[in-house]
Amino acid sequence: MSIVTAKEIMLEAAEGKYAVGAFNITNLIQMEAVVEAAVEKKAPLIIQTSVTPSKFLGLEILVSIYRILAESAPIPICLHLDHSTSVEYCKQCADAGYTNIMIDASKQAYEENISQTKEVVEYCHGIGGISVEGELGTVSGVEDQVKVAEDEAALCNPEQAVEFVERTSVDIFAPAIGTAHGVYKTKNPKVDFERLGKINQMLNGNGIKTPLVVHGGTGLSKEYAIKLVEMGGAKFNVSTELKRTMIDATYDYISENREQYNPGKIDVVVKDAIRQVVARWIDILGSAGKA
């Protein structure tokens, strides 16, 4: 249907009280699986790449494949750079054709976070057709090259969040609320739902202006995810689960078919497994049929 920015589809999601699934991919098979699942569910989609996979696969190749898939799909699809700590790499990805860029300066001092985020916002807005995600507070766990220990994580201050958004003009905003990258150590992680709701009210109480992002979706229960959406989450990130699904599906197939040497059969199994995971999340987030 269309190549879109994250903000375009997130504004509709925030107003409609659902969230757009944002799924990290590391290869073409995963990208195709994510798109196929979203098309089957008639859901808007955000394809995400972390910094390391994007450099390994190549920006021009990633963007070219994304454009081919998005232009032929009957749903809106965004290509998002996830957790880049480099302003210059954000600019490279913007130049290459990504439609949403995340500058993650959350581990920097507050003023430096504002400075770097604002620089990326001004650059992307200057090009046009690109929205920008910023983060305040730090999400614990590991996401690509970004590592934050639990004792280093800090929750987002609601009042500071308003100032951050106003001073940076960031399009979408990721507040740290206790979610974590990777795998949760408990079935009931301490997620500050009320903090997310308060930030959403302060930023969007008089009309949706800056949709909110939830990081660390892998491992959260269906009930947690639904409540986060109710509190204002309009973009819901899932990364680790897709990586685990790809590796587990590959391992299981090879273990059961040790004498076969047909990579294409592994690709089919992996794609189907990824598609099922994405479809389940789309249903949980309420975005099925919203494209």
C-alpha atoms as a PDB file:
ATOM      1  CA  MET A   1       0.000   0.000   0.000  1.00  0.00           C
ATOM      2  CA  SER A   2       2.557   2.545   1.072  1.00  0.00           C
ATOM      3  CA  ILE A   3       5.956   3.359   2.476  1.00  0.00           C
ATOM      4  CA  VAL A   4       5.282   5.315   5.660  1.00  0.00           C
ATOM      5  CA  THR A   5       6.934   6.840   8.701  1.00  0.00           C
ATOM      6  CA  ALA A   6       6.392   5.341  12.135  1.00  0.00           C
ATOM      7  CA  LYS A   7       4.598   8.461  13.306  1.00  0.00           C
ATOM      8  CA  GLU A   8       1.994   8.231  10.537  1.00  0.00           C
ATOM      9  CA  ILE A   9       0.768   4.806  11.566  1.00  0.00           C
ATOM     10  CA  MET A  10       1.329   5.380  15.279  1.00  0.00           C
ATOM     11  CA  LEU A  11      -0.931   8.419  15.368  1.00  0.00           C
ATOM     12  CA  GLU A  12      -3.768   6.228  14.103  1.00  0.00           C
ATOM     13  CA  ALA A  13      -2.818   3.495  16.565  1.00  0.00           C
ATOM     14  CA  ALA A  14      -2.789   5.864  19.548  1.00  0.00           C
ATOM     15  CA  GLU A  15      -6.158   7.287  18.583  1.00  0.00           C
ATOM     16  CA  GLY A  16      -7.576   3.805  17.979  1.00  0.00           C
ATOM     17  CA  LYS A  17      -6.198   2.387  21.259  1.00  0.00           C
ATOM     18  CA  TYR A  18      -4.061  -0.319  19.660  1.00  0.00           C
ATOM     19  CA  ALA A  19      -0.322  -0.684  19.024  1.00  0.00           C
ATOM     20  CA  VAL A  20       1.725  -1.273  15.890  1.00  0.00           C
ATOM     21  CA  GLY A  21       4.032  -4.267  16.164  1.00  0.00           C
ATOM     22  CA  ALA A  22       7.691  -3.357  15.590  1.00  0.00           C
ATOM     23  CA  PHE A  23       9.701  -6.493  14.828  1.00  0.00           C
ATOM     24  CA  ASN A  24      13.502  -6.717  14.651  1.00  0.00           C
ATOM     25  CA  ILE A  25      14.848  -8.738  11.747  1.00  0.00           C
ATOM     26  CA  THR A  26      18.356  -9.929  10.945  1.00  0.00           C
ATOM     27  CA  ASN A  27      17.923 -11.382   7.444  1.00  0.00           C
ATOM     28  CA  LEU A  28      15.668 -11.518   4.381  1.00  0.00           C
ATOM     29  CA  ILE A  29      13.801 -14.631   5.539  1.00  0.00           C
ATOM     30  CA  GLN A  30      12.724 -12.877   8.729  1.00  0.00           C
ATOM     31  CA  MET A  31      11.774  -9.724   6.852  1.00  0.00           C
ATOM     32  CA  GLU A  32       9.568 -11.654   4.439  1.00  0.00           C
ATOM     33  CA  ALA A  33       7.973 -13.602   7.295  1.00  0.00           C
ATOM     34  CA  VAL A  34       7.157 -10.435   9.226  1.00  0.00           C
ATOM     35  CA  VAL A  35       5.596  -8.827   6.152  1.00  0.00           C
ATOM     36  CA  GLU A  36       3.612 -11.945   5.242  1.00  0.00           C
ATOM     37  CA  ALA A  37       2.178 -12.184   8.751  1.00  0.00           C
ATOM     38  CA  ALA A  38       1.155  -8.524   8.763  1.00  0.00           C
ATOM     39  CA  VAL A  39      -0.424  -8.838   5.307  1.00  0.00           C
ATOM     40  CA  GLU A  40      -2.386 -11.911   6.418  1.00  0.00           C
ATOM     41  CA  LYS A  41      -3.603 -10.008   9.486  1.00  0.00           C
ATOM     42  CA  LYS A  42      -4.171  -6.765   7.541  1.00  0.00           C
ATOM     43  CA  ALA A  43      -2.104  -4.904  10.105  1.00  0.00           C
ATOM     44  CA  PRO A  44       0.205  -1.886   9.827  1.00  0.00           C
ATOM     45  CA  LEU A  45       3.829  -2.870  10.350  1.00  0.00           C
ATOM     46  CA  ILE A  46       7.180  -1.536  11.520  1.00  0.00           C
ATOM     47  CA  ILE A  47      10.222  -3.510  10.385  1.00  0.00           C
ATOM     48  CA  GLN A  48      13.204  -2.851  12.647  1.00  0.00           C
ATOM     49  CA  THR A  49      16.921  -3.433  12.212  1.00  0.00           C
ATOM     50  CA  SER A  50      19.499  -2.951  14.913  1.00  0.00           C
ATOM     51  CA  VAL A  51      22.816  -1.364  14.022  1.00  0.00           C
ATOM     52  CA  THR A  52      24.924  -4.531  13.696  1.00  0.00           C
ATOM     53  CA  PRO A  53      22.601  -6.416  11.280  1.00  0.00           C
ATOM     54  CA  SER A  54      22.108  -3.275   9.206  1.00  0.00           C
ATOM     55  CA  LYS A  55      25.861  -2.882   8.760  1.00  0.00           C
ATOM     56  CA  PHE A  56      26.351  -6.585   8.044  1.00  0.00           C
ATOM     57  CA  LEU A  57      23.597  -6.791   5.421  1.00  0.00           C
ATOM     58  CA  GLY A  58      24.228  -3.347   3.961  1.00  0.00           C
ATOM     59  CA  LEU A  59      21.961  -0.308   4.038  1.00  0.00           C
ATOM     60  CA  GLU A  60      21.314  -0.164   0.294  1.00  0.00           C
ATOM     61  CA  ILE A  61      20.377  -3.837   0.170  1.00  0.00           C
ATOM     62  CA  LEU A  62      18.070  -3.572   3.195  1.00  0.00           C
ATOM     63  CA  VAL A  63      16.321  -0.471   1.933  1.00  0.00           C
ATOM     64  CA  SER A  64      15.934  -1.887  -1.589  1.00  0.00           C
ATOM     65  CA  ILE A  65      14.322  -5.085  -0.287  1.00  0.00           C
ATOM     66  CA  TYR A  66      12.133  -3.091   2.084  1.00  0.00           C
ATOM     67  CA  ARG A  67      10.887  -0.850  -0.716  1.00  0.00           C
ATOM     68  CA  ILE A  68      10.073  -3.812  -2.967  1.00  0.00           C
ATOM     69  CA  LEU A  69       8.140  -5.570  -0.199  1.00  0.00           C
ATOM     70  CA  ALA A  70       6.375  -2.429   1.042  1.00  0.00           C
ATOM     71  CA  GLU A  71       5.362  -1.146  -2.386  1.00  0.00           C
ATOM     72  CA  SER A  72       3.794  -4.494  -3.307  1.00  0.00           C
ATOM     73  CA  ALA A  73       2.080  -5.096   0.054  1.00  0.00           C
ATOM     74  CA  PRO A  74      -1.526  -3.943   0.717  1.00  0.00           C
ATOM     75  CA  ILE A  75      -0.540  -2.521   4.114  1.00  0.00           C
ATOM     76  CA  PRO A  76       1.515   0.471   5.325  1.00  0.00           C
ATOM     77  CA  ILE A  77       5.063  -0.499   6.311  1.00  0.00           C
ATOM     78  CA  CYS A  78       7.819   1.504   8.010  1.00  0.00           C
ATOM     79  CA  LEU A  79      11.552   0.696   8.099  1.00  0.00           C
ATOM     80  CA  HIS A  80      13.044   1.650  11.460  1.00  0.00           C
ATOM     81  CA  LEU A  81      16.629   1.901  12.700  1.00  0.00           C
ATOM     82  CA  ASP A  82      16.647   0.663  16.283  1.00  0.00           C
ATOM     83  CA  HIS A  83      18.908   1.926  19.091  1.00  0.00           C
ATOM     84  CA  SER A  84      21.611   3.751  17.189  1.00  0.00           C
ATOM     85  CA  THR A  85      23.937   5.512  19.628  1.00  0.00           C
ATOM     86  CA  SER A  86      25.713   7.266  16.761  1.00  0.00           C
ATOM     87  CA  VAL A  87      24.340  10.501  15.342  1.00  0.00           C
ATOM     88  CA  GLU A  88      26.350   9.991  12.167  1.00  0.00           C
ATOM     89  CA  TYR A  89      24.993   6.497  11.592  1.00  0.00           C
ATOM     90  CA  CYS A  90      21.467   7.810  12.096  1.00  0.00           C
ATOM     91  CA  LYS A  91      22.161  10.269   9.296  1.00  0.00           C
ATOM     92  CA  GLN A  92      23.551   7.523   7.054  1.00  0.00           C
ATOM     93  CA  CYS A  93      20.418   5.443   7.502  1.00  0.00           C
ATOM     94  CA  ALA A  94      18.208   8.468   6.879  1.00  0.00           C
ATOM     95  CA  ASP A  95      20.104   9.148   3.650  1.00  0.00           C
ATOM     96  CA  ALA A  96      19.783   5.484   2.640  1.00  0.00           C
ATOM     97  CA  GLY A  97      15.992   5.478   2.901  1.00  0.00           C
ATOM     98  CA  TYR A  98      14.947   4.402   6.388  1.00  0.00           C
ATOM     99  CA  THR A  99      11.616   6.003   7.304  1.00  0.00           C
ATOM    100  CA  ASN A 100      12.079   6.109  11.082  1.00  0.00           C
ATOM    101  CA  ILE A 101      15.291   6.616  13.007  1.00  0.00           C
ATOM    102  CA  MET A 102      15.938   5.995  16.697  1.00  0.00           C
ATOM    103  CA  ILE A 103      18.766   7.959  18.217  1.00  0.00           C
ATOM    104  CA  ASP A 104      19.453   6.349  21.579  1.00  0.00           C
ATOM    105  CA  ALA A 105      21.383   8.863  23.657  1.00  0.00           C
ATOM    106  CA  SER A 106      19.646   7.733  26.834  1.00  0.00           C
ATOM    107  CA  LYS A 107      22.919   6.788  28.552  1.00  0.00           C
ATOM    108  CA  GLN A 108      24.269  10.294  27.976  1.00  0.00           C
ATOM    109  CA  ALA A 109      23.753  13.191  30.365  1.00  0.00           C
ATOM    110  CA  TYR A 110      20.323  14.778  29.968  1.00  0.00           C
ATOM    111  CA  GLU A 111      21.502  17.869  28.060  1.00  0.00           C
ATOM    112  CA  GLU A 112      23.652  15.756  25.749  1.00  0.00           C
ATOM    113  CA  ASN A 113      20.688  13.459  25.084  1.00  0.00           C
ATOM    114  CA  ILE A 114      18.655  16.503  24.091  1.00  0.00           C
ATOM    115  CA  SER A 115      21.459  17.841  21.889  1.00  0.00           C
ATOM    116  CA  GLN A 116      22.012  14.599  19.984  1.00  0.00           C
ATOM    117  CA  THR A 117      18.309  13.855  19.601  1.00  0.00           C
ATOM    118  CA  LYS A 118      17.607  17.368  18.341  1.00  0.00           C
ATOM    119  CA  GLU A 119      20.424  17.108  15.797  1.00  0.00           C
ATOM    120  CA  VAL A 120      18.998  13.885  14.373  1.00  0.00           C
ATOM    121  CA  VAL A 121      15.461  15.312  14.339  1.00  0.00           C
ATOM    122  CA  GLU A 122      16.550  18.408  12.429  1.00  0.00           C
ATOM    123  CA  TYR A 123      18.501  16.322   9.923  1.00  0.00           C
ATOM    124  CA  CYS A 124      15.694  13.853   9.255  1.00  0.00           C
ATOM    125  CA  HIS A 125      13.014  16.511   9.059  1.00  0.00           C
ATOM    126  CA  GLY A 126      15.242  18.385   6.631  1.00  0.00           C
ATOM    127  CA  ILE A 127      15.242  15.372   4.307  1.00  0.00           C
ATOM    128  CA  GLY A 128      11.499  14.819   4.772  1.00  0.00           C
ATOM    129  CA  GLY A 129       9.508  11.613   5.041  1.00  0.00           C
ATOM    130  CA  ILE A 130      11.394  10.418   8.122  1.00  0.00           C
ATOM    131  CA  SER A 131      10.205  10.439  11.733  1.00  0.00           C
ATOM    132  CA  VAL A 132      12.507  10.175  14.745  1.00  0.00           C
ATOM    133  CA  GLU A 133      12.303   8.246  18.015  1.00  0.00           C
ATOM    134  CA  GLY A 134      14.074   9.402  21.161  1.00  0.00           C
ATOM    135  CA  GLU A 135      14.451   7.758  24.554  1.00  0.00           C
ATOM    136  CA  LEU A 136      14.599   9.117  28.090  1.00  0.00           C
ATOM    137  CA  GLY A 137      15.604   6.975  31.027  1.00  0.00           C
ATOM    138  CA  THR A 138      17.399   3.704  30.351  1.00  0.00           C
ATOM    139  CA  VAL A 139      15.964   0.276  29.577  1.00  0.00           C
ATOM    140  CA  SER A 140      17.952  -2.558  31.170  1.00  0.00           C
ATOM    141  CA  GLY A 141      19.179  -5.609  29.285  1.00  0.00           C
ATOM    142  CA  VAL A 142      20.961  -6.070  25.963  1.00  0.00           C
ATOM    143  CA  GLU A 143      19.835  -4.866  22.541  1.00  0.00           C
ATOM    144  CA  ASP A 144      22.496  -5.254  19.875  1.00  0.00           C
ATOM    145  CA  GLN A 145      25.416  -3.051  21.010  1.00  0.00           C
ATOM    146  CA  VAL A 146      23.444  -1.344  23.800  1.00  0.00           C
ATOM    147  CA  LYS A 147      23.983  -2.940  27.217  1.00  0.00           C
ATOM    148  CA  VAL A 148      22.434  -1.598  30.422  1.00  0.00           C
ATOM    149  CA  ALA A 149      22.749  -3.330  33.791  1.00  0.00           C
ATOM    150  CA  GLU A 150      19.699  -3.393  36.065  1.00  0.00           C
ATOM    151  CA  ASP A 151      21.400  -1.132  38.598  1.00  0.00           C
ATOM    152  CA  GLU A 152      22.166   1.366  35.820  1.00  0.00           C
ATOM    153  CA  ALA A 153      18.600   1.532  34.532  1.00  0.00           C
ATOM    154  CA  ALA A 154      16.620   4.642  35.392  1.00  0.00           C
ATOM    155  CA  LEU A 155      12.897   5.243  34.919  1.00  0.00           C
ATOM    156  CA  CYS A 156      11.703   8.216  32.904  1.00  0.00           C
ATOM    157  CA  ASN A 157      10.707  11.350  34.826  1.00  0.00           C
ATOM    158  CA  PRO A 158       7.282  12.463  33.488  1.00  0.00           C
ATOM    159  CA  GLU A 159       7.959  16.197  33.848  1.00  0.00           C
ATOM    160  CA  GLN A 160      11.354  15.806  32.204  1.00  0.00           C
ATOM    161  CA  ALA A 161       9.699  13.813  29.409  1.00  0.00           C
ATOM    162  CA  VAL A 162       7.533  16.788  28.478  1.00  0.00           C
ATOM    163  CA  GLU A 163      10.549  19.095  28.394  1.00  0.00           C
ATOM    164  CA  PHE A 164      12.552  16.552  26.380  1.00  0.00           C
ATOM    165  CA  VAL A 165       9.863  16.235  23.721  1.00  0.00           C
ATOM    166  CA  GLU A 166       9.347  19.990  23.508  1.00  0.00           C
ATOM    167  CA  ARG A 167      13.040  20.818  23.203  1.00  0.00           C
ATOM    168  CA  THR A 168      13.903  18.074  20.708  1.00  0.00           C
ATOM    169  CA  SER A 169      10.693  18.065  18.610  1.00  0.00           C
ATOM    170  CA  VAL A 170      11.031  14.274  18.529  1.00  0.00           C
ATOM    171  CA  ASP A 171       8.174  12.542  16.675  1.00  0.00           C
ATOM    172  CA  ILE A 172       7.719   9.460  18.838  1.00  0.00           C
ATOM    173  CA  PHE A 173       8.959   8.905  22.364  1.00  0.00           C
ATOM    174  CA  ALA A 174      10.250   5.902  24.319  1.00  0.00           C
ATOM    175  CA  PRO A 175      10.075   6.400  28.091  1.00  0.00           C
ATOM    176  CA  ALA A 176      11.830   3.902  30.356  1.00  0.00           C
ATOM    177  CA  ILE A 177       9.124   2.362  32.542  1.00  0.00           C
ATOM    178  CA  GLY A 178      10.743  -0.826  33.828  1.00  0.00           C
ATOM    179  CA  THR A 179      10.559  -3.047  30.748  1.00  0.00           C
ATOM    180  CA  ALA A 180      13.796  -4.738  29.677  1.00  0.00           C
ATOM    181  CA  HIS A 181      15.568  -5.938  26.557  1.00  0.00           C
ATOM    182  CA  GLY A 182      16.295  -9.644  26.294  1.00  0.00           C
ATOM    183  CA  VAL A 183      14.586 -12.189  28.524  1.00  0.00           C
ATOM    184  CA  TYR A 184      12.876 -11.313  31.809  1.00  0.00           C
ATOM    185  CA  LYS A 185      14.112 -13.100  34.915  1.00  0.00           C
ATOM    186  CA  THR A 186      10.620 -13.241  36.413  1.00  0.00           C
ATOM    187  CA  LYS A 187       7.111 -13.883  35.094  1.00  0.00           C
ATOM    188  CA  ASN A 188       5.919 -10.666  36.735  1.00  0.00           C
ATOM    189  CA  PRO A 189       8.499  -7.955  36.013  1.00  0.00           C
ATOM    190  CA  LYS A 190       8.063  -4.614  37.770  1.00  0.00           C
ATOM    191  CA  VAL A 191       6.615  -2.502  34.980  1.00  0.00           C
ATOM    192  CA  ASP A 192       5.400   0.975  35.929  1.00  0.00           C
ATOM    193  CA  PHE A 193       2.114   1.104  34.021  1.00  0.00           C
ATOM    194  CA  GLU A 194       0.991   4.231  35.852  1.00  0.00           C
ATOM    195  CA  ARG A 195       4.145   6.082  34.823  1.00  0.00           C
ATOM    196  CA  LEU A 196       3.452   5.329  31.166  1.00  0.00           C
ATOM    197  CA  GLY A 197      -0.151   6.460  31.580  1.00  0.00           C
ATOM    198  CA  LYS A 198       0.913   9.693  33.265  1.00  0.00           C
ATOM    199  CA  ILE A 199       3.451  10.499  30.557  1.00  0.00           C
ATOM    200  CA  ASN A 200       0.864   9.771  27.882  1.00  0.00           C
ATOM    201  CA  GLN A 201      -1.642  12.052  29.579  1.00  0.00           C
ATOM    202  CA  MET A 202       0.884  14.859  29.910  1.00  0.00           C
ATOM    203  CA  LEU A 203       2.017  14.599  26.296  1.00  0.00           C
ATOM    204  CA  ASN A 204      -1.185  13.576  24.540  1.00  0.00           C
ATOM    205  CA  GLY A 205      -4.042  14.423  26.890  1.00  0.00           C
ATOM    206  CA  ASN A 206      -5.266  17.223  24.636  1.00  0.00           C
ATOM    207  CA  GLY A 207      -4.851  15.285  21.392  1.00  0.00           C
ATOM    208  CA  ILE A 208      -2.260  12.800  20.164  1.00  0.00           C
ATOM    209  CA  LYS A 209       0.953  14.625  19.277  1.00  0.00           C
ATOM    210  CA  THR A 210       3.794  12.347  20.329  1.00  0.00           C
ATOM    211  CA  PRO A 211       2.912   8.627  20.299  1.00  0.00           C
ATOM    212  CA  LEU A 212       4.703   6.444  22.849  1.00  0.00           C
ATOM    213  CA  VAL A 213       6.950   3.411  22.364  1.00  0.00           C
ATOM    214  CA  VAL A 214       7.248   0.299  24.530  1.00  0.00           C
ATOM    215  CA  HIS A 215      10.641  -1.422  24.449  1.00  0.00           C
ATOM    216  CA  GLY A 216      11.306  -4.937  25.693  1.00  0.00           C
ATOM    217  CA  GLY A 217       8.210  -6.782  24.500  1.00  0.00           C
ATOM    218  CA  THR A 218       9.721 -10.279  24.497  1.00  0.00           C
ATOM    219  CA  GLY A 219       8.621 -12.252  27.552  1.00  0.00           C
ATOM    220  CA  LEU A 220       5.829  -9.936  28.628  1.00  0.00           C
ATOM    221  CA  SER A 221       2.511 -11.674  29.209  1.00  0.00           C
ATOM    222  CA  LYS A 222      -0.542 -10.976  27.074  1.00  0.00           C
ATOM    223  CA  GLU A 223      -2.091  -9.168  30.043  1.00  0.00           C
ATOM    224  CA  TYR A 224       0.953  -6.922  30.488  1.00  0.00           C
ATOM    225  CA  ALA A 225       1.037  -6.084  26.792  1.00  0.00           C
ATOM    226  CA  ILE A 226      -2.657  -5.209  26.663  1.00  0.00           C
ATOM    227  CA  LYS A 227      -2.343  -2.989  29.717  1.00  0.00           C
ATOM    228  CA  LEU A 228       0.674  -1.185  28.242  1.00  0.00           C
ATOM    229  CA  VAL A 229      -1.356  -0.468  25.121  1.00  0.00           C
ATOM    230  CA  GLU A 230      -4.234   0.786  27.260  1.00  0.00           C
ATOM    231  CA  MET A 231      -1.813   3.142  29.016  1.00  0.00           C
ATOM    232  CA  GLY A 232      -0.712   4.677  25.730  1.00  0.00           C
ATOM    233  CA  GLY A 233       1.839   2.396  24.091  1.00  0.00           C
ATOM    234  CA  ALA A 234       1.406   2.757  20.329  1.00  0.00           C
ATOM    235  CA  LYS A 235       4.575   0.995  19.138  1.00  0.00           C
ATOM    236  CA  PHE A 236       5.505  -2.327  20.703  1.00  0.00           C
ATOM    237  CA  ASN A 237       9.004  -3.696  20.116  1.00  0.00           C
ATOM    238  CA  VAL A 238       9.684  -7.432  19.783  1.00  0.00           C
ATOM    239  CA  SER A 239      13.253  -8.511  19.067  1.00  0.00           C
ATOM    240  CA  THR A 240      14.645 -11.317  21.214  1.00  0.00           C
ATOM    241  CA  GLU A 241      11.673 -13.616  20.616  1.00  0.00           C
ATOM    242  CA  LEU A 242      12.231 -13.526  16.862  1.00  0.00           C
ATOM    243  CA  LYS A 243      15.936 -14.305  17.274  1.00  0.00           C
ATOM    244  CA  ARG A 244      15.177 -17.234  19.566  1.00  0.00           C
ATOM    245  CA  THR A 245      12.450 -18.499  17.249  1.00  0.00           C
ATOM    246  CA  MET A 246      14.795 -18.458  14.260  1.00  0.00           C
ATOM    247  CA  ILE A 247      17.578 -20.302  16.097  1.00  0.00           C
ATOM    248  CA  ASP A 248      15.268 -22.817  17.791  1.00  0.00           C
ATOM    249  CA  ALA A 249      13.396 -23.626  14.572  1.00  0.00           C
ATOM    250  CA  THR A 250      16.702 -24.131  12.761  1.00  0.00           C
ATOM    251  CA  TYR A 251      18.089 -26.343  15.526  1.00  0.00           C
ATOM    252  CA  ASP A 252      14.942 -28.453  15.737  1.00  0.00           C
ATOM    253  CA  TYR A 253      14.843 -29.029  11.985  1.00  0.00           C
ATOM    254  CA  ILE A 254      18.507 -29.978  11.747  1.00  0.00           C
ATOM    255  CA  SER A 255      18.220 -32.270  14.771  1.00  0.00           C
ATOM    256  CA  GLU A 256      15.290 -34.119  13.221  1.00  0.00           C
ATOM    257  CA  ASN A 257      16.706 -34.179   9.683  1.00  0.00           C
ATOM    258  CA  ARG A 258      20.407 -34.641  10.209  1.00  0.00           C
ATOM    259  CA  GLU A 259      20.992 -36.371   6.854  1.00  0.00           C
ATOM    260  CA  GLN A 260      19.359 -33.640   4.770  1.00  0.00           C
ATOM    261  CA  TYR A 261      21.358 -30.787   3.299  1.00  0.00           C
ATOM    262  CA  ASN A 262      18.708 -28.553   1.757  1.00  0.00           C
ATOM    263  CA  PRO A 263      18.923 -25.002   3.180  1.00  0.00           C
ATOM    264  CA  GLY A 264      15.675 -24.098   1.443  1.00  0.00           C
ATOM    265  CA  LYS A 265      13.735 -26.449   3.719  1.00  0.00           C
ATOM    266  CA  ILE A 266      15.228 -24.754   6.770  1.00  0.00           C
ATOM    267  CA  ASP A 267      14.177 -21.381   5.376  1.00  0.00           C
ATOM    268  CA  VAL A 268      10.590 -22.580   4.997  1.00  0.00           C
ATOM    269  CA  VAL A 269      10.473 -23.843   8.576  1.00  0.00           C
ATOM    270  CA  VAL A 270      12.016 -20.656   9.978  1.00  0.00           C
ATOM    271  CA  LYS A 271       9.724 -18.402   7.981  1.00  0.00           C
ATOM    272  CA  ASP A 272       6.641 -20.257   9.155  1.00  0.00           C
ATOM    273  CA  ALA A 273       7.765 -20.127  12.794  1.00  0.00           C
ATOM    274  CA  ILE A 274       8.486 -16.392  12.624  1.00  0.00           C
ATOM    275  CA  ARG A 275       5.171 -15.753  10.881  1.00  0.00           C
ATOM    276  CA  GLN A 276       3.284 -17.482  13.686  1.00  0.00           C
ATOM    277  CA  VAL A 277       5.030 -15.417  16.376  1.00  0.00           C
ATOM    278  CA  VAL A 278       4.336 -12.145  14.582  1.00  0.00           C
ATOM    279  CA  ALA A 279       0.695 -13.061  13.956  1.00  0.00           C
ATOM    280  CA  ARG A 280       0.208 -13.814  17.655  1.00  0.00           C
ATOM    281  CA  TRP A 281       1.654 -10.436  18.664  1.00  0.00           C
ATOM    282  CA  ILE A 282      -0.488  -8.603  16.126  1.00  0.00           C
ATOM    283  CA  ASP A 283      -3.583 -10.148  17.690  1.00  0.00           C
ATOM    284  CA  ILE A 284      -2.443  -9.246  21.202  1.00  0.00           C
ATOM    285  CA  LEU A 285      -1.699  -5.636  20.232  1.00  0.00           C
ATOM    286  CA  GLY A 286      -5.088  -5.215  18.573  1.00  0.00           C
ATOM    287  CA  SER A 287      -3.711  -4.094  15.206  1.00  0.00           C
ATOM    288  CA  ALA A 288      -5.258  -6.873  13.078  1.00  0.00           C
ATOM    289  CA  GLY A 289      -7.564  -5.405  10.461  1.00  0.00           C
ATOM    290  CA  LYS A 290      -6.315  -1.833  11.070  1.00  0.00           C
ATOM    291  CA  ALA A 291      -4.354  -1.444   7.817  1.00  0.00           C
END
